[in-house]
Protein backbone atom coordinates (compact mmCIF):
# COMPACT_ATOMS: atom_id res chain seq x y z
CA UNK A 1 1.89 -1.04 29.22
CA UNK A 2 2.31 2.65 30.07
CA UNK A 3 5.67 4.33 29.67
CA UNK A 4 6.14 7.24 32.04
CA UNK A 5 9.60 8.26 30.75
CA UNK A 6 10.93 9.15 34.18
CA UNK A 7 14.37 9.83 32.80
CA UNK A 8 15.53 13.41 32.71
CA UNK A 9 16.23 15.07 29.41
CA UNK A 10 19.52 14.14 27.81
CA UNK A 11 20.68 17.77 27.95
CA UNK A 12 19.73 18.34 31.61
CA UNK A 13 23.31 18.05 32.93
CA UNK A 14 24.28 21.21 31.08
CA UNK A 15 21.71 23.41 32.83
CA UNK A 16 21.50 24.74 36.37
CA UNK A 17 17.71 25.04 36.41
CA UNK A 18 14.90 22.98 34.92
CA UNK A 19 13.08 24.05 31.80
CA UNK A 20 9.97 26.14 32.38
CA UNK A 21 6.87 23.95 31.90
CA UNK A 22 5.46 26.26 29.26
CA UNK A 23 8.76 26.43 27.38
CA UNK A 24 9.05 22.66 27.59
CA UNK A 25 5.67 22.26 25.92
CA UNK A 26 6.28 25.15 23.51
CA UNK A 27 9.53 23.71 22.18
CA UNK A 28 8.45 20.06 22.06
CA UNK A 29 7.51 18.46 18.74
CA UNK A 30 6.33 15.04 19.87
CA UNK A 31 2.70 16.17 19.41
CA UNK A 32 3.15 16.08 15.64
CA UNK A 33 6.43 14.35 14.76
CA UNK A 34 5.33 11.04 16.32
CA UNK A 35 3.88 10.14 12.93
CA UNK A 36 7.48 9.46 11.83
CA UNK A 37 7.95 6.64 14.37
CA UNK A 38 8.36 3.95 11.70
CA UNK A 39 10.99 5.95 9.86
CA UNK A 40 12.83 6.79 13.09
CA UNK A 41 13.01 3.13 14.05
CA UNK A 42 13.95 2.17 10.49
CA UNK A 43 16.81 4.66 10.54
CA UNK A 44 17.97 3.47 13.96
CA UNK A 45 17.99 -0.16 12.86
CA UNK A 46 20.20 0.69 9.89
CA UNK A 47 22.46 2.89 12.03
CA UNK A 48 22.92 0.11 14.58
CA UNK A 49 23.77 -2.44 11.88
CA UNK A 50 26.30 -0.02 10.42
CA UNK A 51 27.88 0.58 13.84
CA UNK A 52 28.20 -3.19 14.25
CA UNK A 53 29.75 -3.55 10.82
CA UNK A 54 32.48 -1.01 11.62
CA UNK A 55 33.12 -2.46 15.09
CA UNK A 56 31.54 0.23 17.28
CA UNK A 57 28.84 -2.16 18.53
CA UNK A 58 29.51 -5.84 19.22
CA UNK A 59 27.10 -8.57 18.10
CA UNK A 60 25.42 -8.88 21.49
CA UNK A 61 24.81 -5.13 21.69
CA UNK A 62 23.37 -5.14 18.18
CA UNK A 63 21.03 -8.01 19.02
CA UNK A 64 19.83 -6.19 22.14
CA UNK A 65 19.17 -2.99 20.19
CA UNK A 66 17.34 -4.79 17.39
CA UNK A 67 15.21 -6.69 19.89
CA UNK A 68 14.51 -3.54 21.89
CA UNK A 69 13.53 -1.48 18.86
CA UNK A 70 11.21 -4.25 17.73
CA UNK A 71 9.49 -4.11 21.12
CA UNK A 72 9.24 -0.31 20.97
CA UNK A 73 7.62 -0.59 17.53
CA UNK A 74 5.11 -3.10 18.86
CA UNK A 75 4.28 -0.87 21.84
CA UNK A 76 3.72 2.14 19.59
CA UNK A 77 1.51 0.30 17.12
CA UNK A 78 -0.52 -1.36 19.86
CA UNK A 79 -1.09 2.00 21.57
CA UNK A 80 0.82 1.02 24.74
CA UNK A 81 3.54 3.65 24.50
CA UNK A 82 2.64 7.03 25.95
CA UNK A 83 4.42 9.99 24.37
CA UNK A 84 6.27 12.28 26.79
CA UNK A 85 6.73 16.02 26.24
CA UNK A 86 9.72 15.82 28.58
CA UNK A 87 11.52 13.83 25.89
CA UNK A 88 10.69 16.58 23.34
CA UNK A 89 10.48 14.60 20.12
CA UNK A 90 10.01 11.22 18.50
CA UNK A 91 13.74 10.49 18.55
CA UNK A 92 14.22 10.92 22.29
CA UNK A 93 10.92 9.22 23.15
CA UNK A 94 12.01 6.11 21.29
CA UNK A 95 15.57 6.19 22.63
CA UNK A 96 14.35 6.67 26.21
CA UNK A 97 11.96 3.74 25.94
CA UNK A 98 14.66 1.61 24.30
CA UNK A 99 17.01 2.34 27.20
CA UNK A 100 14.29 1.39 29.70
CA UNK A 101 13.93 -1.96 27.94
CA UNK A 102 17.56 -2.96 27.34
CA UNK A 103 19.49 -0.75 29.74
CA UNK A 104 22.77 1.05 29.05
CA UNK A 105 23.17 -0.53 25.61
CA UNK A 106 20.28 1.63 24.46
CA UNK A 107 22.38 4.72 25.12
CA UNK A 108 25.03 3.46 22.69
CA UNK A 109 22.64 3.63 19.73
CA UNK A 110 23.20 7.37 19.31
CA UNK A 111 26.96 6.92 18.81
CA UNK A 112 28.14 8.72 15.68
CA UNK A 113 24.93 10.63 15.00
CA UNK A 114 23.02 13.69 16.16
CA UNK A 115 19.35 14.49 16.29
CA UNK A 116 20.16 16.94 13.51
CA UNK A 117 21.04 14.30 10.95
CA UNK A 118 18.59 11.86 12.50
CA UNK A 119 15.57 14.10 11.91
CA UNK A 120 16.80 15.02 8.44
CA UNK A 121 16.91 11.31 7.64
CA UNK A 122 13.51 10.61 9.18
CA UNK A 123 11.82 13.35 7.15
CA UNK A 124 13.33 12.08 3.91
CA UNK A 125 12.29 8.51 4.70
CA UNK A 126 8.80 9.70 5.62
CA UNK A 127 8.39 11.82 2.50
CA UNK A 128 9.74 9.07 0.27
CA UNK A 129 7.16 6.67 1.71
CA UNK A 130 4.38 9.20 1.19
CA UNK A 131 5.44 9.91 -2.39
CA UNK A 132 5.28 6.19 -3.05
CA UNK A 133 1.70 6.17 -1.76
CA UNK A 134 0.67 9.28 -3.69
CA UNK A 135 1.79 8.00 -7.09
CA UNK A 136 -0.78 5.17 -7.25
CA UNK A 137 -3.56 7.65 -6.40
CA UNK A 138 -2.56 9.86 -9.32
CA UNK A 139 -2.57 6.82 -11.58
CA UNK A 140 -5.97 5.78 -10.24
CA UNK A 141 -7.40 9.20 -11.06
CA UNK A 142 -5.84 9.06 -14.50
CA UNK A 143 -7.43 5.67 -15.12
CA UNK A 144 -10.79 7.15 -14.14
CA UNK A 145 -10.32 9.99 -16.60
CA UNK A 146 -9.36 7.59 -19.38
CA UNK A 147 -12.39 5.43 -18.64
CA UNK A 148 -14.63 8.49 -18.80
CA UNK A 149 -12.93 9.79 -21.96
CA UNK A 150 -13.49 6.49 -23.75
CA UNK A 151 -17.11 6.40 -22.65
CA UNK A 152 -17.72 9.95 -23.88
CA UNK A 153 -15.47 9.99 -26.95
CA UNK A 154 -18.42 10.95 -29.20
CA UNK A 155 -20.19 13.22 -26.72
CA UNK A 156 -20.25 16.81 -27.99
CA UNK A 157 -20.01 19.78 -25.65
CA UNK A 158 -19.06 23.44 -26.03
CA UNK A 159 -15.40 24.25 -25.68
CA UNK A 160 -14.74 27.56 -23.95
CA UNK A 161 -12.30 30.42 -23.96
CA UNK A 162 -12.94 33.29 -21.54
CA UNK A 163 -15.80 31.02 -20.36
CA UNK A 164 -17.55 31.93 -23.61
CA UNK A 165 -18.60 29.33 -26.17
CA UNK A 166 -15.71 28.97 -28.60
CA UNK A 167 -15.80 25.74 -30.61
CA UNK A 168 -17.43 22.35 -30.16
CA UNK A 169 -15.26 19.66 -28.61
CA UNK A 170 -15.85 16.15 -27.40
CA UNK A 171 -16.26 15.50 -23.70
CA UNK A 172 -13.67 12.76 -23.94
CA UNK A 173 -11.16 15.20 -25.37
CA UNK A 174 -11.79 17.52 -22.43
CA UNK A 175 -11.18 14.73 -19.91
CA UNK A 176 -7.90 13.86 -21.59
CA UNK A 177 -6.72 17.43 -21.07
CA UNK A 178 -6.87 16.72 -17.33
CA UNK A 179 -5.08 13.43 -17.92
CA UNK A 180 -2.20 15.35 -19.50
CA UNK A 181 -1.95 17.73 -16.55
CA UNK A 182 -1.77 14.80 -14.15
CA UNK A 183 0.79 13.12 -16.36
CA UNK A 184 3.08 16.12 -15.92
CA UNK A 185 2.33 16.14 -12.21
CA UNK A 186 3.32 12.50 -11.93
CA UNK A 187 6.56 13.05 -13.84
CA UNK A 188 7.44 16.03 -11.63
CA UNK A 189 6.74 13.97 -8.50
CA UNK A 190 8.96 11.15 -9.72
CA UNK A 191 11.72 13.67 -10.37
CA UNK A 192 11.22 15.23 -6.93
CA UNK A 193 11.64 11.79 -5.34
CA UNK A 194 15.17 11.57 -6.74
CA UNK A 195 16.26 14.55 -4.63
CA UNK A 196 14.37 13.34 -1.57
CA UNK A 197 16.24 10.04 -1.73
CA UNK A 198 19.63 11.29 -0.55
CA UNK A 199 21.06 10.17 2.82
CA UNK A 200 22.02 12.88 5.36
CA UNK A 201 22.73 10.43 8.20
CA UNK A 202 26.42 10.61 9.10
CA UNK A 203 26.46 14.40 8.95
CA UNK A 204 26.03 14.26 12.74
CA UNK A 205 25.49 17.68 14.30
CA UNK A 206 27.04 19.57 11.38
CA UNK A 207 30.66 18.51 10.83
CA UNK A 208 30.46 14.74 10.60
CA UNK A 209 31.77 12.35 13.24
CA UNK A 210 35.11 10.97 14.43
CA UNK A 211 33.76 7.40 14.40
CA UNK A 212 34.66 5.17 11.41
CA UNK A 213 31.14 5.12 9.99
CA UNK A 214 30.21 3.62 6.64
CA UNK A 215 27.57 5.95 5.20
CA UNK A 216 27.28 4.08 1.93
CA UNK A 217 26.38 0.91 3.82
CA UNK A 218 23.70 2.82 5.75
CA UNK A 219 22.37 4.21 2.48
CA UNK A 220 22.20 0.71 1.03
CA UNK A 221 20.28 -0.57 4.06
CA UNK A 222 17.78 2.29 3.87
CA UNK A 223 17.36 2.25 0.09
CA UNK A 224 18.83 5.70 -0.56
CA UNK A 225 20.13 6.34 -4.06
CA UNK A 226 23.00 8.52 -2.93
CA UNK A 227 24.84 9.86 0.11
CA UNK A 228 24.86 13.57 0.88
CA UNK A 229 28.32 14.97 0.15
CA UNK A 230 28.42 17.87 2.60
CA UNK A 231 27.64 17.51 6.29
CA UNK A 232 26.62 21.16 6.75
CA UNK A 233 24.13 20.89 3.92
CA UNK A 234 22.99 17.47 5.10
CA UNK A 235 21.58 18.69 8.41
CA UNK A 236 20.23 22.04 7.24
CA UNK A 237 18.78 21.32 3.79
CA UNK A 238 15.01 21.42 3.47
CA UNK A 239 14.93 22.03 -0.29
CA UNK A 240 13.37 18.62 -0.80
CA UNK A 241 10.41 19.54 1.44
CA UNK A 242 9.98 22.86 -0.34
CA UNK A 243 10.19 21.15 -3.72
CA UNK A 244 7.56 18.61 -2.73
CA UNK A 245 5.25 21.34 -1.41
CA UNK A 246 5.76 23.32 -4.61
CA UNK A 247 4.85 20.17 -6.53
CA UNK A 248 1.78 19.76 -4.33
CA UNK A 249 0.74 23.37 -4.95
CA UNK A 250 0.86 22.76 -8.71
CA UNK A 251 -1.13 19.55 -8.40
CA UNK A 252 -3.73 21.28 -6.23
CA UNK A 253 -3.93 24.13 -8.72
CA UNK A 254 -4.85 21.57 -11.38
CA UNK A 255 -7.42 19.91 -9.13
CA UNK A 256 -8.82 23.33 -8.24
CA UNK A 257 -9.31 24.20 -11.92
CA UNK A 258 -11.00 20.85 -12.42
CA UNK A 259 -13.14 21.51 -9.33
CA UNK A 260 -14.27 24.84 -10.71
CA UNK A 261 -15.51 23.16 -13.87
CA UNK A 262 -17.30 20.43 -11.93
CA UNK A 263 -19.02 23.04 -9.76
CA UNK A 264 -20.15 24.96 -12.85
CA UNK A 265 -21.14 21.90 -14.85
CA UNK A 266 -23.23 20.44 -12.02
CA UNK A 267 -25.16 23.70 -11.50
CA UNK A 268 -28.75 24.24 -12.67
CA UNK A 269 -27.43 26.80 -15.13
CA UNK A 270 -25.20 24.28 -16.93
CA UNK A 271 -26.52 20.81 -16.04
CA UNK A 272 -23.71 19.16 -18.02
CA UNK A 273 -23.04 16.49 -15.40
CA UNK A 274 -24.52 14.80 -12.39
CA UNK A 275 -22.21 14.02 -9.47
CA UNK A 276 -23.01 10.95 -7.37
CA UNK A 277 -25.02 11.76 -4.25
CA UNK A 278 -22.29 10.37 -2.01
CA UNK A 279 -19.98 13.22 -3.04
CA UNK A 280 -22.56 15.95 -2.39
CA UNK A 281 -24.61 17.31 0.50
CA UNK A 282 -27.94 19.03 0.92
CA UNK A 283 -28.87 22.34 2.44
CA UNK A 284 -30.08 22.80 6.01
CA UNK A 285 -32.86 25.11 4.81
CA UNK A 286 -33.34 24.62 1.04
CA UNK A 287 -34.60 21.10 0.33
CA UNK A 288 -33.94 21.28 -3.42
CA UNK A 289 -30.19 21.81 -3.06
CA UNK A 290 -27.51 19.31 -4.03
CA UNK A 291 -24.20 20.94 -3.23
CA UNK A 292 -20.95 19.75 -4.91
CA UNK A 293 -19.08 19.79 -1.61
CA UNK A 294 -16.13 17.59 -2.62
CA UNK A 295 -14.92 19.74 -5.55
CA UNK A 296 -15.68 22.90 -3.57
CA UNK A 297 -13.61 21.68 -0.64
CA UNK A 298 -10.71 20.61 -2.87
CA UNK A 299 -10.82 24.06 -4.45
CA UNK A 300 -10.65 25.57 -0.98
CA UNK A 301 -7.86 23.30 0.25
CA UNK A 302 -5.69 24.50 -2.61
CA UNK A 303 -5.12 27.78 -0.76
CA UNK A 304 -4.08 25.80 2.31
CA UNK A 305 -1.26 24.12 0.35
CA UNK A 306 -0.20 27.43 -1.20
CA UNK A 307 0.12 28.75 2.35
CA UNK A 308 2.30 25.82 3.39
CA UNK A 309 4.64 26.48 0.47
CA UNK A 310 5.02 30.11 1.49
CA UNK A 311 5.49 29.02 5.11
CA UNK A 312 8.39 26.72 4.23
CA UNK A 313 10.02 29.26 1.94
CA UNK A 314 9.78 31.90 4.67
CA UNK A 315 11.05 29.44 7.28
CA UNK A 316 14.28 28.89 5.35
CA UNK A 317 14.92 32.32 3.89
CA UNK A 318 17.13 33.73 6.67
CA UNK A 319 18.71 30.67 8.24
CA UNK A 320 22.49 30.58 8.50
CA UNK A 321 24.26 27.24 8.29
CA UNK A 322 23.80 24.78 9.81
CA UNK A 323 20.84 23.44 11.79
CA UNK A 324 18.57 25.86 13.68
CA UNK A 325 15.56 25.25 15.92
CA UNK A 326 13.47 27.03 13.27
CA UNK A 327 13.57 23.79 11.31
CA UNK A 328 11.19 22.19 13.77
CA UNK A 329 8.53 24.25 11.98
CA UNK A 330 9.05 22.35 8.73
CA UNK A 331 7.02 19.31 9.75
CA UNK A 332 3.47 20.55 10.30
CA UNK A 333 3.23 22.30 6.90
CA UNK A 334 4.76 19.27 5.20
CA UNK A 335 2.56 16.76 7.03
CA UNK A 336 -0.60 18.72 6.31
CA UNK A 337 0.37 19.10 2.65
CA UNK A 338 0.79 15.33 2.37
CA UNK A 339 -2.58 14.71 4.05
CA UNK A 340 -4.35 17.28 1.87
CA UNK A 341 -2.93 15.92 -1.37
CA UNK A 342 -3.73 12.31 -0.50
CA UNK A 343 -7.29 13.15 0.54
CA UNK A 344 -7.97 15.29 -2.52
CA UNK A 345 -6.62 12.69 -4.94
CA UNK A 346 -8.59 9.91 -3.27
CA UNK A 347 -11.83 11.90 -3.46
CA UNK A 348 -11.33 12.71 -7.14
CA UNK A 349 -10.24 9.19 -8.07
CA UNK A 350 -13.42 7.82 -6.47
CA UNK A 351 -15.71 10.51 -7.91
CA UNK A 352 -14.67 10.94 -11.55
CA UNK A 353 -15.49 7.47 -12.95
CA UNK A 354 -18.91 7.63 -11.23
CA UNK A 355 -19.82 10.97 -12.83
CA UNK A 356 -22.77 11.00 -15.26
CA UNK A 357 -22.61 13.17 -18.38
CA UNK A 358 -25.91 14.62 -19.64
CA UNK A 359 -25.18 14.23 -23.33
CA UNK A 360 -28.28 15.87 -24.77
CA UNK A 361 -27.76 18.96 -22.63
CA UNK A 362 -24.08 19.31 -23.57
CA UNK A 363 -25.04 18.87 -27.23
CA UNK A 364 -27.69 21.59 -27.09
CA UNK A 365 -25.28 23.87 -25.22
CA UNK A 366 -22.74 23.45 -28.02
CA UNK A 367 -25.37 24.63 -30.52
CA UNK A 368 -25.67 27.92 -28.66
CA UNK A 369 -23.11 30.67 -29.07
CA UNK A 370 -22.27 30.05 -32.77
CA UNK A 371 -19.62 27.49 -31.93
CA UNK A 372 -19.13 26.53 -35.61
CA UNK A 373 -18.27 30.10 -36.69
CA UNK A 374 -14.58 29.21 -37.09
CA UNK A 375 -15.57 26.25 -39.26
CA UNK A 376 -17.46 28.61 -41.56
CA UNK A 377 -14.45 30.93 -41.73
CA UNK A 378 -12.17 28.00 -42.61
CA UNK A 379 -14.69 26.88 -45.22
CA UNK A 380 -14.51 30.29 -46.93
CA UNK A 381 -10.72 30.24 -46.88
CA UNK A 382 -10.80 26.88 -48.64
CA UNK A 383 -13.08 28.53 -51.22
CA UNK A 384 -10.36 31.09 -51.93
CA UNK A 385 -11.29 33.97 -49.63
CA UNK A 386 -8.55 35.64 -47.58
CA UNK A 387 -8.89 34.78 -43.90
CA UNK A 388 -9.45 38.37 -42.77
CA UNK A 389 -12.23 38.81 -45.32
CA UNK A 390 -13.62 35.44 -44.26
CA UNK A 391 -13.52 36.55 -40.63
CA UNK A 392 -15.50 39.69 -41.45
CA UNK A 393 -18.12 37.82 -43.47
CA UNK A 394 -18.69 35.32 -40.66
CA UNK A 395 -18.87 38.15 -38.15
CA UNK A 396 -21.72 39.67 -40.16
CA UNK A 397 -23.46 36.29 -40.24
CA UNK A 398 -23.14 35.93 -36.46
CA UNK A 399 -24.49 39.44 -35.91
CA UNK A 400 -27.51 38.51 -38.03
CA UNK A 401 -27.95 35.30 -36.01
CA UNK A 402 -27.94 37.24 -32.74
CA UNK A 403 -30.73 39.47 -34.09
CA UNK A 404 -32.77 36.64 -35.59
CA UNK A 405 -32.14 34.02 -32.95
CA UNK A 406 -30.82 31.56 -35.54
CA UNK A 407 -27.73 29.42 -35.31
CA UNK A 408 -25.48 29.41 -38.39
CA UNK A 409 -26.63 25.89 -39.23
CA UNK A 410 -30.26 27.05 -39.10
CA UNK A 411 -29.86 29.89 -41.62
CA UNK A 412 -31.04 29.35 -45.17
CA UNK A 413 -28.53 29.06 -47.99
CA UNK A 414 -29.85 32.29 -49.43
CA UNK A 415 -29.26 34.09 -46.15
CA UNK A 416 -25.72 32.78 -45.85
CA UNK A 417 -24.91 33.69 -49.44
CA UNK A 418 -25.93 37.26 -48.61
CA UNK A 419 -22.76 37.47 -46.50
CA UNK A 420 -20.48 35.86 -49.10
CA UNK A 421 -21.27 34.61 -52.59
CA UNK A 422 -18.71 31.82 -52.30
CA UNK A 423 -20.98 29.89 -49.94
CA UNK A 424 -22.57 26.83 -51.51
CA UNK A 425 -24.89 24.02 -50.42
CA UNK A 426 -22.00 21.96 -49.06
CA UNK A 427 -21.55 24.53 -46.28
CA UNK A 428 -23.95 22.64 -44.03
CA UNK A 429 -21.48 19.79 -43.76
CA UNK A 430 -19.15 22.05 -41.78
CA UNK A 431 -21.85 23.85 -39.80
CA UNK A 432 -23.05 20.75 -37.96
CA UNK A 433 -21.50 19.97 -34.58
CA UNK A 434 -20.61 16.47 -35.73
CA UNK A 435 -18.88 17.82 -38.83
CA UNK A 436 -16.99 20.39 -36.77
CA UNK A 437 -15.47 17.91 -34.30
CA UNK A 438 -14.82 15.31 -36.98
CA UNK A 439 -12.85 17.88 -39.00
CA UNK A 440 -10.28 18.20 -36.18
CA UNK A 441 -8.89 14.87 -37.27
CA UNK A 442 -5.22 15.13 -36.38
CA UNK A 443 -2.92 14.04 -33.57
CA UNK A 444 -4.11 15.81 -30.43
CA UNK A 445 -7.37 16.93 -32.03
CA UNK A 446 -10.90 16.58 -30.70
CA UNK A 447 -12.25 14.24 -33.42
CA UNK A 448 -13.77 11.12 -31.82
CA UNK A 449 -11.37 8.76 -33.59
CA UNK A 450 -8.44 10.87 -32.36
CA UNK A 451 -9.84 10.77 -28.83
CA UNK A 452 -10.03 6.99 -29.00
CA UNK A 453 -6.47 6.87 -30.32
CA UNK A 454 -5.38 9.09 -27.41
CA UNK A 455 -7.23 6.79 -25.01
CA UNK A 456 -5.26 3.84 -26.39
CA UNK A 457 -1.98 5.72 -25.90
CA UNK A 458 -3.02 6.64 -22.37
CA UNK A 459 -3.78 3.01 -21.55
CA UNK A 460 -0.35 2.01 -22.81
CA UNK A 461 1.19 4.72 -20.62
CA UNK A 462 -0.72 3.53 -17.56
CA UNK A 463 0.28 -0.08 -18.24
CA UNK A 464 3.98 0.77 -17.99
CA UNK A 465 5.70 -0.02 -14.68
CA UNK A 466 6.11 3.01 -12.45
């Protein structure tokens, strides 16, 4: 069916002239807030049940409203309901259609509430639902990282500082660094959800209502952990949206850093990894190209989320209490942030486990850049040399290696002893890449057995109920 919404706006009786067509379209939000239709109906169902409980609605009126809202939901999900700009937003579109279906009883649904506390409730319900969908995607990406870390626990690669070869590490250890970042992200999101899950409904326009409402009952029906304690704050607070967007900006920053490494590692200059073809594209002119479009795009979308955070902060910075029309501008940045985060996490969770590591290339790369220089310095300290003197001796050895083109492990014992007479034949045990990573054999270290132990801890973490 098609719903024409022939009713006039609810506020039309107050005005002596109709709203300008441009202004009507300019101030309407139905074009984007219709995505909250489920939450709006969910909130209305709970509100109606509460009104019945306190005696504002009788049983017949409640039954009519529940039946009518169920029909509205069906019409929306089947694509039959046509949104009307004249009704401004999702709340009035649904209420107008409800009234068309059940008559005057539909107009009683709004008793004891305002669109101010209604929209505040809808956004919290919406964001809570989205958070509950985002958490499994983070966990799925973490599982992919753990799977990859276990597979590459013995794979040696160069570790970098300043993007210069620093010390050899295992590829698995590197993947678990990203696991730890996501672990913090997940914990922050779970904490954010606690502040999202507070009920503003019952705040009405700003001061509460004269009807004998039972807000705790409404909270129980809607699954809120707590009831907002101040009606002014209830209708005007958007901290929870800002906090979520700040969380999203941090998550995207992590994914952007990861993206940067994937872009570098998949390049012809590094060749550390091979990304599956389905996550890459070719060039329109250069047939040899395989572009890492997914990580590049995630890296780019990070700036988009940063912008949304600044947008929401700026939106709220000068608003007096309580509700202001400015708050209509909170939804598009929040909605787009949710979509961006969900898409980015899905892409990464699909891509990471399918990534191929080119082990021989990462191994050879770790041999370049004198990555075991610190191991030689530590070796000399264990032989009784002060660290600063050890540092200088190794620096001389590296300088010689740069001139001769030899790695430390390739220099003869005689050559090495020329830099320090404490060097003995056992030095080669610490100059190999395998010896270097194996020596970092402590909790949180890069030694393969420590990586496997960390993988086991990560699996236990992921096995815990959310």
